Amino acid sequence: YRRQARATATHNLHALAESAGLVPSGWTPCVVEGDASL
């Protein structure tokens, strides 16, 4: 389940960046597990 959750978050992150008009060389993804505020 953890690997699935990470893969889903990674996929959604790239889709969001593309929809926002970010070019691949203009940003770096960071997918982390845990409480968002921390």
ModelCIF file with pLDDT and N, C-alpha, C, O atoms, coordinates in Angstrom:
data_MODEL
#
_entry.id   MODEL 
#
_entity.id                         1 
_entity.type                       polymer 
_entity.pdbx_number_of_molecules   1 
#
_entity_poly.entity_id                      1 
_entity_poly.type                           'polypeptide(L)' 
_entity_poly.nstd_linkage                   no 
_entity_poly.nstd_monomer                   no 
_entity_poly.pdbx_seq_one_letter_code       YRRQARATATHNLHALAESAGLVPSGWTPCVVEGDASL 
_entity_poly.pdbx_seq_one_letter_code_can   YRRQARATATHNLHALAESAGLVPSGWTPCVVEGDASL 
_entity_poly.pdbx_strand_id                 A 
#
loop_
_entity_poly_seq.entity_id 
_entity_poly_seq.num 
_entity_poly_seq.mon_id 
_entity_poly_seq.hetero 
1 1  TYR n 
1 2  ARG n 
1 3  ARG n 
1 4  GLN n 
1 5  ALA n 
1 6  ARG n 
1 7  ALA n 
1 8  THR n 
1 9  ALA n 
1 10 THR n 
1 11 HIS n 
1 12 ASN n 
1 13 LEU n 
1 14 HIS n 
1 15 ALA n 
1 16 LEU n 
1 17 ALA n 
1 18 GLU n 
1 19 SER n 
1 20 ALA n 
1 21 GLY n 
1 22 LEU n 
1 23 VAL n 
1 24 PRO n 
1 25 SER n 
1 26 GLY n 
1 27 TRP n 
1 28 THR n 
1 29 PRO n 
1 30 CYS n 
1 31 VAL n 
1 32 VAL n 
1 33 GLU n 
1 34 GLY n 
1 35 ASP n 
1 36 ALA n 
1 37 SER n 
1 38 LEU n 
#
_struct_asym.id          A 
_struct_asym.entity_id   1 
#
loop_
_ma_qa_metric.id 
_ma_qa_metric.mode 
_ma_qa_metric.name 
_ma_qa_metric.software_group_id 
_ma_qa_metric.type 
1 global pLDDT . pLDDT 
2 local  pLDDT . pLDDT 
#
_ma_qa_metric_global.metric_id      1 
_ma_qa_metric_global.metric_value   91.42 
_ma_qa_metric_global.model_id       1 
_ma_qa_metric_global.ordinal_id     1 
#
loop_
_ma_qa_metric_local.label_asym_id 
_ma_qa_metric_local.label_comp_id 
_ma_qa_metric_local.label_seq_id 
_ma_qa_metric_local.metric_id 
_ma_qa_metric_local.metric_value 
_ma_qa_metric_local.model_id 
_ma_qa_metric_local.ordinal_id 
A TYR 1  2 81.00 1 1  
A ARG 2  2 84.00 1 2  
A ARG 3  2 88.00 1 3  
A GLN 4  2 91.00 1 4  
A ALA 5  2 89.00 1 5  
A ARG 6  2 92.00 1 6  
A ALA 7  2 94.00 1 7  
A THR 8  2 94.00 1 8  
A ALA 9  2 94.00 1 9  
A THR 10 2 96.00 1 10 
A HIS 11 2 96.00 1 11 
A ASN 12 2 95.00 1 12 
A LEU 13 2 95.00 1 13 
A HIS 14 2 95.00 1 14 
A ALA 15 2 94.00 1 15 
A LEU 16 2 93.00 1 16 
A ALA 17 2 92.00 1 17 
A GLU 18 2 92.00 1 18 
A SER 19 2 89.00 1 19 
A ALA 20 2 88.00 1 20 
A GLY 21 2 88.00 1 21 
A LEU 22 2 90.00 1 22 
A VAL 23 2 89.00 1 23 
A PRO 24 2 89.00 1 24 
A SER 25 2 89.00 1 25 
A GLY 26 2 88.00 1 26 
A TRP 27 2 95.00 1 27 
A THR 28 2 96.00 1 28 
A PRO 29 2 96.00 1 29 
A CYS 30 2 96.00 1 30 
A VAL 31 2 96.00 1 31 
A VAL 32 2 95.00 1 32 
A GLU 33 2 90.00 1 33 
A GLY 34 2 89.00 1 34 
A ASP 35 2 88.00 1 35 
A ALA 36 2 89.00 1 36 
A SER 37 2 88.00 1 37 
A LEU 38 2 91.00 1 38 
#
loop_
_atom_site.group_PDB 
_atom_site.id 
_atom_site.type_symbol 
_atom_site.label_atom_id 
_atom_site.label_alt_id 
_atom_site.label_comp_id 
_atom_site.label_asym_id 
_atom_site.label_entity_id 
_atom_site.label_seq_id 
_atom_site.pdbx_PDB_ins_code 
_atom_site.Cartn_x 
_atom_site.Cartn_y 
_atom_site.Cartn_z 
_atom_site.occupancy 
_atom_site.B_iso_or_equiv 
_atom_site.pdbx_formal_charge 
_atom_site.auth_seq_id 
_atom_site.auth_comp_id 
_atom_site.auth_asym_id 
_atom_site.auth_atom_id 
_atom_site.pdbx_PDB_model_num 
ATOM 1   N N  . TYR A 1 1  ? 0.833  -1.205 0.000   1.00 81.00 ? 1  TYR A N  1 
ATOM 2   C CA . TYR A 1 1  ? 0.000  0.000  0.000   1.00 81.00 ? 1  TYR A CA 1 
ATOM 3   C C  . TYR A 1 1  ? 0.867  1.254  0.000   1.00 81.00 ? 1  TYR A C  1 
ATOM 4   O O  . TYR A 1 1  ? 0.546  2.242  -0.660  1.00 81.00 ? 1  TYR A O  1 
ATOM 5   N N  . ARG A 1 2  ? 1.981  1.203  0.755   1.00 84.00 ? 2  ARG A N  1 
ATOM 6   C CA . ARG A 1 2  ? 2.864  2.369  0.837   1.00 84.00 ? 2  ARG A CA 1 
ATOM 7   C C  . ARG A 1 2  ? 3.472  2.679  -0.528  1.00 84.00 ? 2  ARG A C  1 
ATOM 8   O O  . ARG A 1 2  ? 3.524  3.837  -0.941  1.00 84.00 ? 2  ARG A O  1 
ATOM 9   N N  . ARG A 1 3  ? 3.932  1.642  -1.226  1.00 88.00 ? 3  ARG A N  1 
ATOM 10  C CA . ARG A 1 3  ? 4.502  1.861  -2.554  1.00 88.00 ? 3  ARG A CA 1 
ATOM 11  C C  . ARG A 1 3  ? 3.452  2.396  -3.526  1.00 88.00 ? 3  ARG A C  1 
ATOM 12  O O  . ARG A 1 3  ? 3.744  3.246  -4.368  1.00 88.00 ? 3  ARG A O  1 
ATOM 13  N N  . GLN A 1 4  ? 2.233  1.888  -3.399  1.00 91.00 ? 4  GLN A N  1 
ATOM 14  C CA . GLN A 1 4  ? 1.158  2.382  -4.256  1.00 91.00 ? 4  GLN A CA 1 
ATOM 15  C C  . GLN A 1 4  ? 0.857  3.852  -3.962  1.00 91.00 ? 4  GLN A C  1 
ATOM 16  O O  . GLN A 1 4  ? 0.660  4.643  -4.885  1.00 91.00 ? 4  GLN A O  1 
ATOM 17  N N  . ALA A 1 5  ? 0.821  4.216  -2.687  1.00 89.00 ? 5  ALA A N  1 
ATOM 18  C CA . ALA A 1 5  ? 0.546  5.602  -2.316  1.00 89.00 ? 5  ALA A CA 1 
ATOM 19  C C  . ALA A 1 5  ? 1.646  6.529  -2.824  1.00 89.00 ? 5  ALA A C  1 
ATOM 20  O O  . ALA A 1 5  ? 1.364  7.630  -3.296  1.00 89.00 ? 5  ALA A O  1 
ATOM 21  N N  . ARG A 1 6  ? 2.897  6.084  -2.729  1.00 92.00 ? 6  ARG A N  1 
ATOM 22  C CA . ARG A 1 6  ? 4.001  6.914  -3.220  1.00 92.00 ? 6  ARG A CA 1 
ATOM 23  C C  . ARG A 1 6  ? 3.927  7.055  -4.744  1.00 92.00 ? 6  ARG A C  1 
ATOM 24  O O  . ARG A 1 6  ? 4.133  8.146  -5.276  1.00 92.00 ? 6  ARG A O  1 
ATOM 25  N N  . ALA A 1 7  ? 3.636  5.967  -5.439  1.00 94.00 ? 7  ALA A N  1 
ATOM 26  C CA . ALA A 1 7  ? 3.555  6.013  -6.897  1.00 94.00 ? 7  ALA A CA 1 
ATOM 27  C C  . ALA A 1 7  ? 2.422  6.926  -7.350  1.00 94.00 ? 7  ALA A C  1 
ATOM 28  O O  . ALA A 1 7  ? 2.576  7.685  -8.307  1.00 94.00 ? 7  ALA A O  1 
ATOM 29  N N  . THR A 1 8  ? 1.286  6.855  -6.663  1.00 94.00 ? 8  THR A N  1 
ATOM 30  C CA . THR A 1 8  ? 0.156  7.717  -7.004  1.00 94.00 ? 8  THR A CA 1 
ATOM 31  C C  . THR A 1 8  ? 0.508  9.183  -6.791  1.00 94.00 ? 8  THR A C  1 
ATOM 32  O O  . THR A 1 8  ? 0.209  10.027 -7.636  1.00 94.00 ? 8  THR A O  1 
ATOM 33  N N  . ALA A 1 9  ? 1.148  9.487  -5.653  1.00 94.00 ? 9  ALA A N  1 
ATOM 34  C CA . ALA A 1 9  ? 1.541  10.867 -5.362  1.00 94.00 ? 9  ALA A CA 1 
ATOM 35  C C  . ALA A 1 9  ? 2.534  11.382 -6.400  1.00 94.00 ? 9  ALA A C  1 
ATOM 36  O O  . ALA A 1 9  ? 2.443  12.530 -6.836  1.00 94.00 ? 9  ALA A O  1 
ATOM 37  N N  . THR A 1 10 ? 3.477  10.535 -6.794  1.00 96.00 ? 10 THR A N  1 
ATOM 38  C CA . THR A 1 10 ? 4.474  10.935 -7.793  1.00 96.00 ? 10 THR A CA 1 
ATOM 39  C C  . THR A 1 10 ? 3.819  11.211 -9.136  1.00 96.00 ? 10 THR A C  1 
ATOM 40  O O  . THR A 1 10 ? 4.127  12.203 -9.797  1.00 96.00 ? 10 THR A O  1 
ATOM 41  N N  . HIS A 1 11 ? 2.908  10.321 -9.535  1.00 96.00 ? 11 HIS A N  1 
ATOM 42  C CA . HIS A 1 11 ? 2.196  10.516 -10.799 1.00 96.00 ? 11 HIS A CA 1 
ATOM 43  C C  . HIS A 1 11 ? 1.391  11.816 -10.764 1.00 96.00 ? 11 HIS A C  1 
ATOM 44  O O  . HIS A 1 11 ? 1.439  12.607 -11.706 1.00 96.00 ? 11 HIS A O  1 
ATOM 45  N N  . ASN A 1 12 ? 0.661  12.027 -9.687  1.00 95.00 ? 12 ASN A N  1 
ATOM 46  C CA . ASN A 1 12 ? -0.167 13.226 -9.578  1.00 95.00 ? 12 ASN A CA 1 
ATOM 47  C C  . ASN A 1 12 ? 0.686  14.492 -9.538  1.00 95.00 ? 12 ASN A C  1 
ATOM 48  O O  . ASN A 1 12 ? 0.270  15.535 -10.042 1.00 95.00 ? 12 ASN A O  1 
ATOM 49  N N  . LEU A 1 13 ? 1.862  14.407 -8.947  1.00 95.00 ? 13 LEU A N  1 
ATOM 50  C CA . LEU A 1 13 ? 2.750  15.563 -8.865  1.00 95.00 ? 13 LEU A CA 1 
ATOM 51  C C  . LEU A 1 13 ? 3.204  16.001 -10.254 1.00 95.00 ? 13 LEU A C  1 
ATOM 52  O O  . LEU A 1 13 ? 3.194  17.191 -10.571 1.00 95.00 ? 13 LEU A O  1 
ATOM 53  N N  . HIS A 1 14 ? 3.601  15.039 -11.076 1.00 95.00 ? 14 HIS A N  1 
ATOM 54  C CA . HIS A 1 14 ? 4.030  15.370 -12.433 1.00 95.00 ? 14 HIS A CA 1 
ATOM 55  C C  . HIS A 1 14 ? 2.860  15.877 -13.272 1.00 95.00 ? 14 HIS A C  1 
ATOM 56  O O  . HIS A 1 14 ? 3.030  16.784 -14.087 1.00 95.00 ? 14 HIS A O  1 
ATOM 57  N N  . ALA A 1 15 ? 1.683  15.301 -13.080 1.00 94.00 ? 15 ALA A N  1 
ATOM 58  C CA . ALA A 1 15 ? 0.510  15.763 -13.826 1.00 94.00 ? 15 ALA A CA 1 
ATOM 59  C C  . ALA A 1 15 ? 0.142  17.189 -13.432 1.00 94.00 ? 15 ALA A C  1 
ATOM 60  O O  . ALA A 1 15 ? -0.226 17.997 -14.285 1.00 94.00 ? 15 ALA A O  1 
ATOM 61  N N  . LEU A 1 16 ? 0.241  17.495 -12.148 1.00 93.00 ? 16 LEU A N  1 
ATOM 62  C CA . LEU A 1 16 ? -0.068 18.842 -11.662 1.00 93.00 ? 16 LEU A CA 1 
ATOM 63  C C  . LEU A 1 16 ? 0.920  19.859 -12.226 1.00 93.00 ? 16 LEU A C  1 
ATOM 64  O O  . LEU A 1 16 ? 0.527  20.934 -12.679 1.00 93.00 ? 16 LEU A O  1 
ATOM 65  N N  . ALA A 1 17 ? 2.200  19.511 -12.194 1.00 92.00 ? 17 ALA A N  1 
ATOM 66  C CA . ALA A 1 17 ? 3.224  20.424 -12.713 1.00 92.00 ? 17 ALA A CA 1 
ATOM 67  C C  . ALA A 1 17 ? 2.999  20.696 -14.193 1.00 92.00 ? 17 ALA A C  1 
ATOM 68  O O  . ALA A 1 17 ? 3.153  21.830 -14.647 1.00 92.00 ? 17 ALA A O  1 
ATOM 69  N N  . GLU A 1 18 ? 2.636  19.663 -14.948 1.00 92.00 ? 18 GLU A N  1 
ATOM 70  C CA . GLU A 1 18 ? 2.390  19.848 -16.375 1.00 92.00 ? 18 GLU A CA 1 
ATOM 71  C C  . GLU A 1 18 ? 1.184  20.743 -16.604 1.00 92.00 ? 18 GLU A C  1 
ATOM 72  O O  . GLU A 1 18 ? 1.203  21.600 -17.487 1.00 92.00 ? 18 GLU A O  1 
ATOM 73  N N  . SER A 1 19 ? 0.123  20.546 -15.802 1.00 89.00 ? 19 SER A N  1 
ATOM 74  C CA . SER A 1 19 ? -1.085 21.364 -15.974 1.00 89.00 ? 19 SER A CA 1 
ATOM 75  C C  . SER A 1 19 ? -0.837 22.809 -15.586 1.00 89.00 ? 19 SER A C  1 
ATOM 76  O O  . SER A 1 19 ? -1.518 23.708 -16.077 1.00 89.00 ? 19 SER A O  1 
ATOM 77  N N  . ALA A 1 20 ? 0.143  23.045 -14.698 1.00 88.00 ? 20 ALA A N  1 
ATOM 78  C CA . ALA A 1 20 ? 0.480  24.407 -14.285 1.00 88.00 ? 20 ALA A CA 1 
ATOM 79  C C  . ALA A 1 20 ? 1.468  25.068 -15.231 1.00 88.00 ? 20 ALA A C  1 
ATOM 80  O O  . ALA A 1 20 ? 1.825  26.232 -15.045 1.00 88.00 ? 20 ALA A O  1 
ATOM 81  N N  . GLY A 1 21 ? 1.909  24.343 -16.235 1.00 88.00 ? 21 GLY A N  1 
ATOM 82  C CA . GLY A 1 21 ? 2.797  24.927 -17.226 1.00 88.00 ? 21 GLY A CA 1 
ATOM 83  C C  . GLY A 1 21 ? 4.267  24.898 -16.866 1.00 88.00 ? 21 GLY A C  1 
ATOM 84  O O  . GLY A 1 21 ? 5.061  25.620 -17.470 1.00 88.00 ? 21 GLY A O  1 
ATOM 85  N N  . LEU A 1 22 ? 4.656  24.068 -15.882 1.00 90.00 ? 22 LEU A N  1 
ATOM 86  C CA . LEU A 1 22 ? 6.065  23.979 -15.516 1.00 90.00 ? 22 LEU A CA 1 
ATOM 87  C C  . LEU A 1 22 ? 6.802  23.090 -16.515 1.00 90.00 ? 22 LEU A C  1 
ATOM 88  O O  . LEU A 1 22 ? 6.326  22.006 -16.851 1.00 90.00 ? 22 LEU A O  1 
ATOM 89  N N  . VAL A 1 23 ? 7.948  23.540 -16.983 1.00 89.00 ? 23 VAL A N  1 
ATOM 90  C CA . VAL A 1 23 ? 8.767  22.711 -17.865 1.00 89.00 ? 23 VAL A CA 1 
ATOM 91  C C  . VAL A 1 23 ? 9.561  21.730 -17.013 1.00 89.00 ? 23 VAL A C  1 
ATOM 92  O O  . VAL A 1 23 ? 9.913  22.054 -15.879 1.00 89.00 ? 23 VAL A O  1 
ATOM 93  N N  . PRO A 1 24 ? 9.853  20.538 -17.530 1.00 89.00 ? 24 PRO A N  1 
ATOM 94  C CA . PRO A 1 24 ? 10.541 19.515 -16.714 1.00 89.00 ? 24 PRO A CA 1 
ATOM 95  C C  . PRO A 1 24 ? 11.844 19.999 -16.107 1.00 89.00 ? 24 PRO A C  1 
ATOM 96  O O  . PRO A 1 24 ? 12.176 19.607 -14.988 1.00 89.00 ? 24 PRO A O  1 
ATOM 97  N N  . SER A 1 25 ? 12.592 20.836 -16.806 1.00 89.00 ? 25 SER A N  1 
ATOM 98  C CA . SER A 1 25 ? 13.870 21.305 -16.278 1.00 89.00 ? 25 SER A CA 1 
ATOM 99  C C  . SER A 1 25 ? 13.714 22.428 -15.266 1.00 89.00 ? 25 SER A C  1 
ATOM 100 O O  . SER A 1 25 ? 14.698 22.865 -14.670 1.00 89.00 ? 25 SER A O  1 
ATOM 101 N N  . GLY A 1 26 ? 12.485 22.902 -15.065 1.00 88.00 ? 26 GLY A N  1 
ATOM 102 C CA . GLY A 1 26 ? 12.281 24.057 -14.205 1.00 88.00 ? 26 GLY A CA 1 
ATOM 103 C C  . GLY A 1 26 ? 11.848 23.736 -12.792 1.00 88.00 ? 26 GLY A C  1 
ATOM 104 O O  . GLY A 1 26 ? 11.594 24.643 -11.999 1.00 88.00 ? 26 GLY A O  1 
ATOM 105 N N  . TRP A 1 27 ? 11.758 22.430 -12.459 1.00 95.00 ? 27 TRP A N  1 
ATOM 106 C CA . TRP A 1 27 ? 11.333 22.095 -11.101 1.00 95.00 ? 27 TRP A CA 1 
ATOM 107 C C  . TRP A 1 27 ? 11.853 20.724 -10.716 1.00 95.00 ? 27 TRP A C  1 
ATOM 108 O O  . TRP A 1 27 ? 12.250 19.930 -11.568 1.00 95.00 ? 27 TRP A O  1 
ATOM 109 N N  . THR A 1 28 ? 11.845 20.456 -9.402  1.00 96.00 ? 28 THR A N  1 
ATOM 110 C CA . THR A 1 28 ? 12.294 19.182 -8.855  1.00 96.00 ? 28 THR A CA 1 
ATOM 111 C C  . THR A 1 28 ? 11.189 18.594 -7.984  1.00 96.00 ? 28 THR A C  1 
ATOM 112 O O  . THR A 1 28 ? 10.677 19.282 -7.102  1.00 96.00 ? 28 THR A O  1 
ATOM 113 N N  . PRO A 1 29 ? 10.804 17.312 -8.215  1.00 96.00 ? 29 PRO A N  1 
ATOM 114 C CA . PRO A 1 29 ? 9.769  16.701 -7.378  1.00 96.00 ? 29 PRO A CA 1 
ATOM 115 C C  . PRO A 1 29 ? 10.328 16.271 -6.029  1.00 96.00 ? 29 PRO A C  1 
ATOM 116 O O  . PRO A 1 29 ? 11.500 15.913 -5.914  1.00 96.00 ? 29 PRO A O  1 
ATOM 117 N N  . CYS A 1 30 ? 9.480  16.313 -5.018  1.00 96.00 ? 30 CYS A N  1 
ATOM 118 C CA . CYS A 1 30 ? 9.860  15.867 -3.674  1.00 96.00 ? 30 CYS A CA 1 
ATOM 119 C C  . CYS A 1 30 ? 8.648  15.173 -3.067  1.00 96.00 ? 30 CYS A C  1 
ATOM 120 O O  . CYS A 1 30 ? 7.711  15.839 -2.628  1.00 96.00 ? 30 CYS A O  1 
ATOM 121 N N  . VAL A 1 31 ? 8.655  13.853 -3.036  1.00 96.00 ? 31 VAL A N  1 
ATOM 122 C CA . VAL A 1 31 ? 7.551  13.058 -2.498  1.00 96.00 ? 31 VAL A CA 1 
ATOM 123 C C  . VAL A 1 31 ? 8.021  12.419 -1.201  1.00 96.00 ? 31 VAL A C  1 
ATOM 124 O O  . VAL A 1 31 ? 8.955  11.616 -1.196  1.00 96.00 ? 31 VAL A O  1 
ATOM 125 N N  . VAL A 1 32 ? 7.367  12.781 -0.099  1.00 95.00 ? 32 VAL A N  1 
ATOM 126 C CA . VAL A 1 32 ? 7.790  12.316 1.222   1.00 95.00 ? 32 VAL A CA 1 
ATOM 127 C C  . VAL A 1 32 ? 6.587  11.739 1.961   1.00 95.00 ? 32 VAL A C  1 
ATOM 128 O O  . VAL A 1 32 ? 5.440  12.096 1.694   1.00 95.00 ? 32 VAL A O  1 
ATOM 129 N N  . GLU A 1 33 ? 6.874  10.856 2.879   1.00 90.00 ? 33 GLU A N  1 
ATOM 130 C CA . GLU A 1 33 ? 5.826  10.236 3.674   1.00 90.00 ? 33 GLU A CA 1 
ATOM 131 C C  . GLU A 1 33 ? 5.737  10.911 5.028   1.00 90.00 ? 33 GLU A C  1 
ATOM 132 O O  . GLU A 1 33 ? 6.758  11.235 5.634   1.00 90.00 ? 33 GLU A O  1 
ATOM 133 N N  . GLY A 1 34 ? 4.517  11.124 5.503   1.00 89.00 ? 34 GLY A N  1 
ATOM 134 C CA . GLY A 1 34 ? 4.345  11.636 6.854   1.00 89.00 ? 34 GLY A CA 1 
ATOM 135 C C  . GLY A 1 34 ? 3.451  12.859 6.916   1.00 89.00 ? 34 GLY A C  1 
ATOM 136 O O  . GLY A 1 34 ? 2.809  13.241 5.937   1.00 89.00 ? 34 GLY A O  1 
ATOM 137 N N  . ASP A 1 35 ? 3.430  13.460 8.095   1.00 88.00 ? 35 ASP A N  1 
ATOM 138 C CA . ASP A 1 35 ? 2.610  14.634 8.347   1.00 88.00 ? 35 ASP A CA 1 
ATOM 139 C C  . ASP A 1 35 ? 3.118  15.819 7.532   1.00 88.00 ? 35 ASP A C  1 
ATOM 140 O O  . ASP A 1 35 ? 4.307  16.138 7.567   1.00 88.00 ? 35 ASP A O  1 
ATOM 141 N N  . ALA A 1 36 ? 2.210  16.473 6.795   1.00 89.00 ? 36 ALA A N  1 
ATOM 142 C CA . ALA A 1 36 ? 2.624  17.535 5.881   1.00 89.00 ? 36 ALA A CA 1 
ATOM 143 C C  . ALA A 1 36 ? 3.307  18.687 6.602   1.00 89.00 ? 36 ALA A C  1 
ATOM 144 O O  . ALA A 1 36 ? 4.319  19.196 6.120   1.00 89.00 ? 36 ALA A O  1 
ATOM 145 N N  . SER A 1 37 ? 2.774  19.111 7.753   1.00 88.00 ? 37 SER A N  1 
ATOM 146 C CA . SER A 1 37 ? 3.346  20.263 8.447   1.00 88.00 ? 37 SER A CA 1 
ATOM 147 C C  . SER A 1 37 ? 4.774  20.002 8.879   1.00 88.00 ? 37 SER A C  1 
ATOM 148 O O  . SER A 1 37 ? 5.610  20.902 8.800   1.00 88.00 ? 37 SER A O  1 
ATOM 149 N N  . LEU A 1 38 ? 5.078  18.793 9.334   1.00 91.00 ? 38 LEU A N  1 
ATOM 150 C CA . LEU A 1 38 ? 6.438  18.454 9.741   1.00 91.00 ? 38 LEU A CA 1 
ATOM 151 C C  . LEU A 1 38 ? 7.361  18.335 8.538   1.00 91.00 ? 38 LEU A C  1 
ATOM 152 O O  . LEU A 1 38 ? 8.549  18.053 8.698   1.00 91.00 ? 38 LEU A O  1 
#
